[in-house]
């Protein structure tokens, strides 16, 4: 069964990666780089400080960072346990796919997916009552994870599991934040 799922994952990756258009390569290379999203990260913290008084904004930001670092640690631990080769490092795929990025660590599960979805989900959960438009923030992780398939470094299964992990950890930390916040803020 797992072999069949891996084969479907591989075939879907090859199909999706093959949809890439060379004239869009620079856009997707830009999108996939976490450093290019720094203005967004700063904007999120500014939004917290405009939505809440400084003490609650700081408290919320600390929980957001805790959720992010927990996700980051879990992602790296699982990658080192699963040791799944990235598509760009798989010799069986090298002639079939477009490779625009070449990280050498492991693929399962996507750190871009888990980290972007943990941040976005936590932000949405914590600000949804203040700003109805906050759900538009999900455009960021969707673009971010699509870029990982486009540049040739993640299978769709890596993205899906990373997304689920990020959303789950965000939800857990948000619930902890709500319980703890009632006592301290």
N, C-alpha and C. Protein backbone atom coordinates (compact mmCIF):
# COMPACT_ATOMS: atom_id res chain seq x y z
N UNK A 1 0.80 -1.19 0.00
CA UNK A 1 0.00 0.00 0.00
C UNK A 1 0.85 1.27 0.00
N UNK A 2 1.89 1.31 0.89
CA UNK A 2 2.77 2.48 0.95
C UNK A 2 3.50 2.68 -0.36
N UNK A 3 3.89 1.57 -0.99
CA UNK A 3 4.58 1.68 -2.28
C UNK A 3 3.67 2.31 -3.32
N UNK A 4 2.40 1.95 -3.31
CA UNK A 4 1.45 2.53 -4.26
C UNK A 4 1.25 4.02 -4.00
N UNK A 5 1.15 4.39 -2.73
CA UNK A 5 1.00 5.81 -2.39
C UNK A 5 2.22 6.60 -2.82
N UNK A 6 3.41 6.05 -2.57
CA UNK A 6 4.65 6.72 -3.00
C UNK A 6 4.71 6.87 -4.52
N UNK A 7 4.24 5.87 -5.22
CA UNK A 7 4.24 5.93 -6.69
C UNK A 7 3.28 7.01 -7.18
N UNK A 8 2.09 7.08 -6.60
CA UNK A 8 1.13 8.13 -6.97
C UNK A 8 1.70 9.51 -6.66
N UNK A 9 2.35 9.62 -5.50
CA UNK A 9 2.96 10.87 -5.09
C UNK A 9 4.04 11.30 -6.10
N UNK A 10 4.84 10.34 -6.49
CA UNK A 10 5.90 10.59 -7.47
C UNK A 10 5.30 11.01 -8.81
N UNK A 11 4.30 10.29 -9.28
CA UNK A 11 3.68 10.61 -10.57
C UNK A 11 3.00 11.97 -10.55
N UNK A 12 2.31 12.28 -9.47
CA UNK A 12 1.67 13.59 -9.36
C UNK A 12 2.72 14.70 -9.33
N UNK A 13 3.82 14.47 -8.63
CA UNK A 13 4.90 15.45 -8.60
C UNK A 13 5.45 15.70 -10.00
N UNK A 14 5.76 14.63 -10.72
CA UNK A 14 6.32 14.77 -12.07
C UNK A 14 5.35 15.55 -12.96
N UNK A 15 4.05 15.25 -12.85
CA UNK A 15 3.05 15.96 -13.64
C UNK A 15 3.02 17.44 -13.29
N UNK A 16 2.91 17.75 -11.98
CA UNK A 16 2.80 19.15 -11.55
C UNK A 16 4.07 19.93 -11.84
N UNK A 17 5.21 19.33 -11.58
CA UNK A 17 6.48 19.99 -11.86
C UNK A 17 6.63 20.26 -13.35
N UNK A 18 6.12 19.35 -14.17
CA UNK A 18 6.21 19.51 -15.62
C UNK A 18 5.33 20.61 -16.18
N UNK A 19 4.40 21.11 -15.39
CA UNK A 19 3.54 22.21 -15.83
C UNK A 19 4.28 23.55 -15.82
N UNK A 20 5.48 23.57 -15.25
CA UNK A 20 6.25 24.81 -15.14
C UNK A 20 6.54 25.43 -16.49
N UNK A 21 6.54 26.75 -16.50
CA UNK A 21 6.83 27.52 -17.71
C UNK A 21 8.09 28.34 -17.43
N UNK A 22 9.06 28.22 -18.29
CA UNK A 22 10.36 28.83 -18.07
C UNK A 22 10.29 30.33 -17.80
N UNK A 23 9.38 31.03 -18.43
CA UNK A 23 9.29 32.48 -18.23
C UNK A 23 8.82 32.85 -16.81
N UNK A 24 8.30 31.89 -16.06
CA UNK A 24 7.88 32.14 -14.68
C UNK A 24 8.89 31.64 -13.65
N UNK A 25 9.97 31.07 -14.09
CA UNK A 25 10.95 30.49 -13.17
C UNK A 25 11.44 31.49 -12.12
N UNK A 26 11.80 32.69 -12.53
CA UNK A 26 12.33 33.66 -11.58
C UNK A 26 11.30 34.04 -10.51
N UNK A 27 10.04 34.12 -10.90
CA UNK A 27 8.98 34.40 -9.93
C UNK A 27 8.94 33.32 -8.86
N UNK A 28 8.93 32.05 -9.27
CA UNK A 28 8.82 30.95 -8.31
C UNK A 28 10.09 30.79 -7.48
N UNK A 29 11.24 31.09 -8.05
CA UNK A 29 12.49 31.07 -7.28
C UNK A 29 12.44 32.15 -6.20
N UNK A 30 11.90 33.31 -6.55
CA UNK A 30 11.74 34.40 -5.57
C UNK A 30 10.76 33.98 -4.47
N UNK A 31 9.63 33.42 -4.84
CA UNK A 31 8.58 33.04 -3.89
C UNK A 31 9.08 31.98 -2.91
N UNK A 32 9.89 31.05 -3.36
CA UNK A 32 10.32 29.93 -2.52
C UNK A 32 11.34 30.31 -1.46
N UNK A 33 11.94 31.49 -1.56
CA UNK A 33 12.97 31.92 -0.62
C UNK A 33 12.34 32.58 0.61
N UNK A 34 12.50 31.98 1.79
CA UNK A 34 11.86 32.53 3.00
C UNK A 34 12.31 33.96 3.33
N UNK A 35 13.51 34.33 2.94
CA UNK A 35 14.01 35.68 3.24
C UNK A 35 13.20 36.75 2.52
N UNK A 36 12.62 36.42 1.39
CA UNK A 36 11.84 37.40 0.65
C UNK A 36 10.50 37.71 1.31
N UNK A 37 10.14 36.92 2.30
CA UNK A 37 8.88 37.11 3.01
C UNK A 37 9.06 37.85 4.34
N UNK A 38 10.26 38.32 4.63
CA UNK A 38 10.54 39.02 5.89
C UNK A 38 9.59 40.22 6.09
N UNK A 39 9.32 41.03 5.07
CA UNK A 39 8.35 42.12 5.28
C UNK A 39 6.98 41.62 5.76
N UNK A 40 6.56 40.48 5.29
CA UNK A 40 5.29 39.91 5.76
C UNK A 40 5.37 39.53 7.23
N UNK A 41 6.48 38.91 7.63
CA UNK A 41 6.63 38.52 9.03
C UNK A 41 6.59 39.76 9.93
N UNK A 42 7.27 40.81 9.52
CA UNK A 42 7.27 42.05 10.30
C UNK A 42 5.86 42.64 10.35
N UNK A 43 5.17 42.60 9.22
CA UNK A 43 3.80 43.13 9.17
C UNK A 43 2.87 42.38 10.13
N UNK A 44 3.08 41.07 10.26
CA UNK A 44 2.24 40.29 11.18
C UNK A 44 2.41 40.77 12.62
N UNK A 45 3.64 41.03 13.02
CA UNK A 45 3.86 41.52 14.38
C UNK A 45 3.30 42.94 14.55
N UNK A 46 3.40 43.77 13.53
CA UNK A 46 2.81 45.11 13.59
C UNK A 46 1.30 45.01 13.73
N UNK A 47 0.70 44.07 13.01
CA UNK A 47 -0.75 43.88 13.11
C UNK A 47 -1.13 43.49 14.54
N UNK A 48 -0.34 42.63 15.17
CA UNK A 48 -0.62 42.27 16.56
C UNK A 48 -0.60 43.51 17.47
N UNK A 49 0.40 44.37 17.25
CA UNK A 49 0.52 45.54 18.12
C UNK A 49 -0.52 46.62 17.81
N UNK A 50 -1.13 46.58 16.64
CA UNK A 50 -2.24 47.50 16.37
C UNK A 50 -3.58 46.90 16.82
N UNK A 51 -3.66 45.59 16.86
CA UNK A 51 -4.90 44.93 17.26
C UNK A 51 -5.06 44.85 18.77
N UNK A 52 -3.96 44.73 19.50
CA UNK A 52 -4.00 44.51 20.94
C UNK A 52 -3.10 45.52 21.66
N UNK A 53 -3.33 45.66 22.96
CA UNK A 53 -2.39 46.46 23.75
C UNK A 53 -1.05 45.72 23.78
N UNK A 54 0.01 46.43 24.10
CA UNK A 54 1.35 45.89 23.95
C UNK A 54 1.57 44.57 24.70
N UNK A 55 0.98 44.44 25.89
CA UNK A 55 1.19 43.23 26.69
C UNK A 55 0.58 42.01 26.01
N UNK A 56 -0.66 42.15 25.51
CA UNK A 56 -1.30 41.03 24.84
C UNK A 56 -0.63 40.74 23.49
N UNK A 57 -0.20 41.79 22.79
CA UNK A 57 0.49 41.60 21.51
C UNK A 57 1.79 40.83 21.72
N UNK A 58 2.53 41.20 22.74
CA UNK A 58 3.78 40.49 23.05
C UNK A 58 3.51 39.05 23.45
N UNK A 59 2.52 38.84 24.28
CA UNK A 59 2.13 37.50 24.72
C UNK A 59 1.72 36.64 23.53
N UNK A 60 0.91 37.20 22.63
CA UNK A 60 0.47 36.48 21.44
C UNK A 60 1.66 36.16 20.53
N UNK A 61 2.53 37.14 20.35
CA UNK A 61 3.72 36.94 19.52
C UNK A 61 4.63 35.85 20.07
N UNK A 62 4.75 35.77 21.39
CA UNK A 62 5.57 34.72 22.00
C UNK A 62 4.99 33.33 21.73
N UNK A 63 3.67 33.21 21.82
CA UNK A 63 3.04 31.93 21.52
C UNK A 63 3.20 31.58 20.04
N UNK A 64 3.11 32.56 19.18
CA UNK A 64 3.33 32.34 17.75
C UNK A 64 4.75 31.82 17.51
N UNK A 65 5.73 32.46 18.13
CA UNK A 65 7.12 32.01 17.98
C UNK A 65 7.31 30.60 18.56
N UNK A 66 6.69 30.32 19.69
CA UNK A 66 6.79 28.98 20.29
C UNK A 66 6.20 27.93 19.35
N UNK A 67 5.07 28.24 18.73
CA UNK A 67 4.46 27.31 17.77
C UNK A 67 5.38 27.11 16.58
N UNK A 68 5.97 28.20 16.09
CA UNK A 68 6.87 28.10 14.94
C UNK A 68 8.09 27.24 15.28
N UNK A 69 8.75 27.52 16.39
CA UNK A 69 9.97 26.77 16.72
C UNK A 69 9.68 25.30 17.06
N UNK A 70 8.54 25.03 17.63
CA UNK A 70 8.14 23.64 17.87
C UNK A 70 7.97 22.92 16.53
N UNK A 71 7.31 23.58 15.61
CA UNK A 71 7.10 22.99 14.28
C UNK A 71 8.43 22.79 13.56
N UNK A 72 9.29 23.77 13.64
CA UNK A 72 10.61 23.69 13.00
C UNK A 72 11.41 22.50 13.55
N UNK A 73 11.41 22.36 14.86
CA UNK A 73 12.13 21.24 15.47
C UNK A 73 11.55 19.89 15.09
N UNK A 74 10.22 19.78 15.14
CA UNK A 74 9.56 18.52 14.76
C UNK A 74 9.82 18.19 13.30
N UNK A 75 9.74 19.17 12.44
CA UNK A 75 9.97 18.96 11.01
C UNK A 75 11.37 18.39 10.77
N UNK A 76 12.37 19.00 11.38
CA UNK A 76 13.74 18.52 11.18
C UNK A 76 13.97 17.14 11.77
N UNK A 77 13.35 16.86 12.91
CA UNK A 77 13.47 15.53 13.52
C UNK A 77 12.87 14.46 12.60
N UNK A 78 11.68 14.73 12.07
CA UNK A 78 11.03 13.76 11.19
C UNK A 78 11.82 13.59 9.90
N UNK A 79 12.34 14.67 9.34
CA UNK A 79 13.15 14.57 8.12
C UNK A 79 14.33 13.63 8.33
N UNK A 80 14.98 13.76 9.48
CA UNK A 80 16.15 12.93 9.76
C UNK A 80 15.78 11.49 10.08
N UNK A 81 14.55 11.26 10.51
CA UNK A 81 14.08 9.89 10.74
C UNK A 81 13.58 9.23 9.45
N UNK A 82 12.85 9.99 8.66
CA UNK A 82 12.25 9.43 7.44
C UNK A 82 13.28 9.28 6.32
N UNK A 83 14.24 10.15 6.26
CA UNK A 83 15.31 10.17 5.25
C UNK A 83 14.81 9.93 3.81
N UNK A 84 13.75 10.61 3.45
CA UNK A 84 13.24 10.52 2.08
C UNK A 84 13.99 11.51 1.20
N UNK A 85 14.56 11.01 0.12
CA UNK A 85 15.28 11.88 -0.80
C UNK A 85 14.34 12.90 -1.43
N UNK A 86 14.85 14.10 -1.61
CA UNK A 86 14.09 15.11 -2.33
C UNK A 86 14.05 14.71 -3.81
N UNK A 87 13.04 15.15 -4.52
CA UNK A 87 12.97 14.83 -5.95
C UNK A 87 14.22 15.29 -6.71
N UNK A 88 14.75 16.46 -6.36
CA UNK A 88 15.93 16.97 -7.05
C UNK A 88 17.18 16.13 -6.80
N UNK A 89 17.16 15.31 -5.75
CA UNK A 89 18.30 14.44 -5.44
C UNK A 89 18.07 12.99 -5.84
N UNK A 90 16.91 12.71 -6.44
CA UNK A 90 16.57 11.36 -6.85
C UNK A 90 17.05 11.13 -8.28
N UNK A 91 18.06 10.25 -8.45
CA UNK A 91 18.61 10.04 -9.80
C UNK A 91 17.57 9.49 -10.80
N UNK A 92 16.54 8.80 -10.30
CA UNK A 92 15.51 8.27 -11.20
C UNK A 92 14.64 9.38 -11.80
N UNK A 93 14.64 10.54 -11.18
CA UNK A 93 13.79 11.64 -11.65
C UNK A 93 14.55 12.73 -12.39
N UNK A 94 15.86 12.71 -12.33
CA UNK A 94 16.65 13.84 -12.83
C UNK A 94 16.37 14.19 -14.30
N UNK A 95 16.04 13.20 -15.13
CA UNK A 95 15.75 13.48 -16.53
C UNK A 95 14.28 13.81 -16.78
N UNK A 96 13.45 13.66 -15.76
CA UNK A 96 12.00 13.85 -15.92
C UNK A 96 11.49 15.19 -15.39
N UNK A 97 12.27 15.85 -14.55
CA UNK A 97 11.74 17.03 -13.86
C UNK A 97 12.59 18.27 -14.11
N UNK A 98 11.98 19.40 -13.79
CA UNK A 98 12.66 20.69 -13.82
C UNK A 98 13.20 20.95 -12.42
N UNK A 99 14.48 21.22 -12.30
CA UNK A 99 15.10 21.47 -11.00
C UNK A 99 15.61 22.91 -10.99
N UNK A 100 15.04 23.73 -10.10
CA UNK A 100 15.42 25.13 -10.01
C UNK A 100 16.06 25.46 -8.67
N UNK A 101 16.08 24.50 -7.77
CA UNK A 101 16.68 24.66 -6.44
C UNK A 101 17.28 23.31 -6.08
N UNK A 102 18.35 23.32 -5.30
CA UNK A 102 19.01 22.04 -5.00
C UNK A 102 19.41 21.89 -3.54
N UNK A 103 18.45 21.92 -2.62
CA UNK A 103 18.81 21.62 -1.23
C UNK A 103 19.23 20.17 -1.10
N UNK A 104 20.08 19.90 -0.13
CA UNK A 104 20.61 18.54 -0.02
C UNK A 104 20.02 17.76 1.16
N UNK A 105 19.23 18.41 2.00
CA UNK A 105 18.66 17.66 3.13
C UNK A 105 17.46 16.85 2.65
N UNK A 106 16.74 16.26 3.57
CA UNK A 106 15.66 15.35 3.20
C UNK A 106 14.34 16.07 2.94
N UNK A 107 13.40 15.31 2.39
CA UNK A 107 12.18 15.88 1.85
C UNK A 107 10.97 15.77 2.76
N UNK A 108 10.83 14.69 3.50
CA UNK A 108 9.57 14.44 4.22
C UNK A 108 9.67 14.89 5.67
N UNK A 109 8.84 15.76 6.07
CA UNK A 109 7.81 16.51 5.37
C UNK A 109 8.29 17.94 5.16
N UNK A 110 7.57 18.70 4.39
CA UNK A 110 8.01 20.03 3.99
C UNK A 110 8.03 21.01 5.15
N UNK A 111 9.22 21.56 5.38
CA UNK A 111 9.36 22.61 6.39
C UNK A 111 8.72 23.91 5.95
N UNK A 112 8.75 24.19 4.65
CA UNK A 112 8.08 25.39 4.14
C UNK A 112 6.58 25.30 4.41
N UNK A 113 6.01 24.11 4.18
CA UNK A 113 4.57 23.93 4.40
C UNK A 113 4.24 24.00 5.89
N UNK A 114 4.97 23.25 6.71
CA UNK A 114 4.63 23.21 8.13
C UNK A 114 4.82 24.57 8.79
N UNK A 115 5.91 25.26 8.48
CA UNK A 115 6.17 26.54 9.14
C UNK A 115 5.24 27.64 8.64
N UNK A 116 4.97 27.68 7.35
CA UNK A 116 4.09 28.74 6.86
C UNK A 116 2.65 28.52 7.30
N UNK A 117 2.22 27.28 7.37
CA UNK A 117 0.85 27.02 7.82
C UNK A 117 0.70 27.15 9.33
N UNK A 118 1.74 26.86 10.11
CA UNK A 118 1.62 27.07 11.56
C UNK A 118 1.50 28.56 11.85
N UNK A 119 2.31 29.37 11.18
CA UNK A 119 2.26 30.82 11.40
C UNK A 119 0.93 31.39 10.94
N UNK A 120 0.53 31.05 9.72
CA UNK A 120 -0.71 31.60 9.18
C UNK A 120 -1.92 31.17 10.00
N UNK A 121 -1.99 29.91 10.34
CA UNK A 121 -3.15 29.42 11.09
C UNK A 121 -3.22 30.06 12.47
N UNK A 122 -2.08 30.18 13.15
CA UNK A 122 -2.08 30.82 14.46
C UNK A 122 -2.51 32.29 14.34
N UNK A 123 -1.99 32.99 13.34
CA UNK A 123 -2.35 34.40 13.13
C UNK A 123 -3.85 34.52 12.84
N UNK A 124 -4.36 33.67 11.97
CA UNK A 124 -5.78 33.72 11.64
C UNK A 124 -6.63 33.43 12.87
N UNK A 125 -6.28 32.40 13.63
CA UNK A 125 -7.07 32.07 14.83
C UNK A 125 -7.04 33.20 15.86
N UNK A 126 -5.90 33.84 16.00
CA UNK A 126 -5.78 34.87 17.03
C UNK A 126 -6.32 36.23 16.59
N UNK A 127 -6.48 36.46 15.30
CA UNK A 127 -6.95 37.76 14.83
C UNK A 127 -8.28 37.73 14.09
N UNK A 128 -8.88 36.58 13.96
CA UNK A 128 -10.11 36.47 13.16
C UNK A 128 -11.27 37.29 13.72
N UNK A 129 -11.31 37.51 15.01
CA UNK A 129 -12.39 38.32 15.58
C UNK A 129 -12.14 39.81 15.39
N UNK A 130 -10.89 40.20 15.22
CA UNK A 130 -10.55 41.61 15.02
C UNK A 130 -10.63 42.01 13.54
N UNK A 131 -10.17 41.11 12.68
CA UNK A 131 -10.07 41.43 11.25
C UNK A 131 -10.67 40.28 10.43
N UNK A 132 -11.80 40.54 9.82
CA UNK A 132 -12.44 39.50 8.98
C UNK A 132 -11.61 39.16 7.75
N UNK A 133 -10.81 40.11 7.29
CA UNK A 133 -10.00 39.91 6.09
C UNK A 133 -8.77 39.03 6.34
N UNK A 134 -8.50 38.68 7.57
CA UNK A 134 -7.26 37.97 7.91
C UNK A 134 -7.12 36.63 7.19
N UNK A 135 -8.24 36.05 6.77
CA UNK A 135 -8.17 34.76 6.08
C UNK A 135 -7.42 34.84 4.75
N UNK A 136 -7.32 36.04 4.21
CA UNK A 136 -6.57 36.22 2.96
C UNK A 136 -5.09 35.86 3.16
N UNK A 137 -4.66 35.83 4.40
CA UNK A 137 -3.27 35.46 4.71
C UNK A 137 -2.92 34.06 4.21
N UNK A 138 -3.92 33.22 4.01
CA UNK A 138 -3.65 31.86 3.52
C UNK A 138 -3.11 31.85 2.10
N UNK A 139 -3.18 32.96 1.39
CA UNK A 139 -2.56 33.02 0.06
C UNK A 139 -1.05 32.81 0.15
N UNK A 140 -0.45 33.34 1.23
CA UNK A 140 0.99 33.21 1.40
C UNK A 140 1.44 31.75 1.47
N UNK A 141 0.93 30.93 2.41
CA UNK A 141 1.44 29.56 2.45
C UNK A 141 1.07 28.75 1.21
N UNK A 142 -0.06 29.07 0.59
CA UNK A 142 -0.43 28.33 -0.63
C UNK A 142 0.58 28.60 -1.73
N UNK A 143 0.92 29.86 -1.95
CA UNK A 143 1.96 30.18 -2.94
C UNK A 143 3.30 29.57 -2.56
N UNK A 144 3.62 29.69 -1.28
CA UNK A 144 4.90 29.20 -0.75
C UNK A 144 5.07 27.71 -1.02
N UNK A 145 4.03 26.91 -0.74
CA UNK A 145 4.16 25.46 -0.92
C UNK A 145 4.09 25.07 -2.40
N UNK A 146 3.32 25.81 -3.18
CA UNK A 146 3.29 25.52 -4.62
C UNK A 146 4.68 25.70 -5.23
N UNK A 147 5.40 26.68 -4.72
CA UNK A 147 6.75 26.94 -5.24
C UNK A 147 7.67 25.75 -5.01
N UNK A 148 7.45 25.00 -3.96
CA UNK A 148 8.33 23.88 -3.63
C UNK A 148 8.22 22.75 -4.65
N UNK A 149 7.03 22.56 -5.19
CA UNK A 149 6.85 21.56 -6.26
C UNK A 149 7.43 22.12 -7.55
N UNK A 150 7.15 23.38 -7.82
CA UNK A 150 7.61 24.03 -9.05
C UNK A 150 9.13 23.98 -9.18
N UNK A 151 9.86 24.28 -8.07
CA UNK A 151 11.32 24.31 -8.14
C UNK A 151 11.94 22.92 -8.03
N UNK A 152 11.11 21.89 -7.80
CA UNK A 152 11.58 20.51 -7.87
C UNK A 152 12.11 19.90 -6.59
N UNK A 153 11.68 20.41 -5.42
CA UNK A 153 12.28 19.93 -4.18
C UNK A 153 11.33 19.21 -3.22
N UNK A 154 10.02 19.17 -3.53
CA UNK A 154 9.08 18.47 -2.65
C UNK A 154 8.00 17.75 -3.44
N UNK A 155 7.67 16.58 -2.95
CA UNK A 155 6.54 15.81 -3.48
C UNK A 155 5.25 16.40 -2.89
N UNK A 156 4.12 16.21 -3.56
CA UNK A 156 2.85 16.68 -3.00
C UNK A 156 2.55 16.10 -1.62
N UNK A 157 2.93 14.85 -1.37
CA UNK A 157 2.72 14.25 -0.05
C UNK A 157 3.50 14.96 1.04
N UNK A 158 4.70 15.43 0.73
CA UNK A 158 5.50 16.21 1.69
C UNK A 158 4.76 17.49 2.06
N UNK A 159 4.17 18.11 1.04
CA UNK A 159 3.44 19.36 1.22
C UNK A 159 2.17 19.12 2.06
N UNK A 160 1.44 18.08 1.71
CA UNK A 160 0.19 17.78 2.41
C UNK A 160 0.44 17.49 3.89
N UNK A 161 1.40 16.64 4.18
CA UNK A 161 1.69 16.30 5.58
C UNK A 161 2.23 17.53 6.32
N UNK A 162 3.11 18.29 5.69
CA UNK A 162 3.62 19.51 6.31
C UNK A 162 2.51 20.49 6.64
N UNK A 163 1.56 20.62 5.72
CA UNK A 163 0.41 21.51 5.93
C UNK A 163 -0.41 21.04 7.13
N UNK A 164 -0.71 19.75 7.17
CA UNK A 164 -1.50 19.21 8.28
C UNK A 164 -0.80 19.37 9.62
N UNK A 165 0.50 19.13 9.64
CA UNK A 165 1.27 19.29 10.88
C UNK A 165 1.24 20.75 11.33
N UNK A 166 1.46 21.67 10.39
CA UNK A 166 1.45 23.09 10.74
C UNK A 166 0.11 23.54 11.30
N UNK A 167 -0.98 23.14 10.65
CA UNK A 167 -2.31 23.52 11.11
C UNK A 167 -2.60 22.92 12.49
N UNK A 168 -2.25 21.66 12.68
CA UNK A 168 -2.49 20.99 13.96
C UNK A 168 -1.70 21.64 15.10
N UNK A 169 -0.43 21.92 14.88
CA UNK A 169 0.38 22.55 15.93
C UNK A 169 -0.13 23.96 16.21
N UNK A 170 -0.53 24.69 15.19
CA UNK A 170 -1.09 26.03 15.41
C UNK A 170 -2.34 25.95 16.27
N UNK A 171 -3.19 25.00 15.98
CA UNK A 171 -4.42 24.83 16.76
C UNK A 171 -4.11 24.50 18.21
N UNK A 172 -3.17 23.58 18.43
CA UNK A 172 -2.79 23.20 19.79
C UNK A 172 -2.23 24.41 20.55
N UNK A 173 -1.33 25.14 19.92
CA UNK A 173 -0.74 26.30 20.58
C UNK A 173 -1.76 27.42 20.78
N UNK A 174 -2.70 27.55 19.87
CA UNK A 174 -3.74 28.56 20.06
C UNK A 174 -4.60 28.22 21.27
N UNK A 175 -4.94 26.95 21.42
CA UNK A 175 -5.73 26.53 22.59
C UNK A 175 -4.94 26.78 23.89
N UNK A 176 -3.65 26.48 23.88
CA UNK A 176 -2.80 26.77 25.05
C UNK A 176 -2.75 28.26 25.32
N UNK A 177 -2.63 29.03 24.26
CA UNK A 177 -2.61 30.49 24.35
C UNK A 177 -3.90 31.01 24.98
N UNK A 178 -5.03 30.49 24.54
CA UNK A 178 -6.32 30.92 25.10
C UNK A 178 -6.42 30.60 26.59
N UNK A 179 -6.02 29.40 26.96
CA UNK A 179 -6.10 28.99 28.38
C UNK A 179 -5.14 29.80 29.23
N UNK A 180 -3.92 29.96 28.76
CA UNK A 180 -2.91 30.68 29.52
C UNK A 180 -3.23 32.17 29.58
N UNK A 181 -3.72 32.70 28.46
CA UNK A 181 -4.02 34.12 28.37
C UNK A 181 -5.11 34.56 29.33
N UNK A 182 -6.04 33.72 29.64
CA UNK A 182 -7.11 34.06 30.56
C UNK A 182 -6.55 34.31 31.97
N UNK A 183 -5.46 33.65 32.29
CA UNK A 183 -4.86 33.82 33.62
C UNK A 183 -3.90 35.01 33.69
N UNK A 184 -3.25 35.31 32.56
CA UNK A 184 -2.18 36.32 32.61
C UNK A 184 -2.55 37.67 31.98
N UNK A 185 -3.55 37.67 31.13
CA UNK A 185 -3.86 38.94 30.45
C UNK A 185 -5.28 39.36 30.77
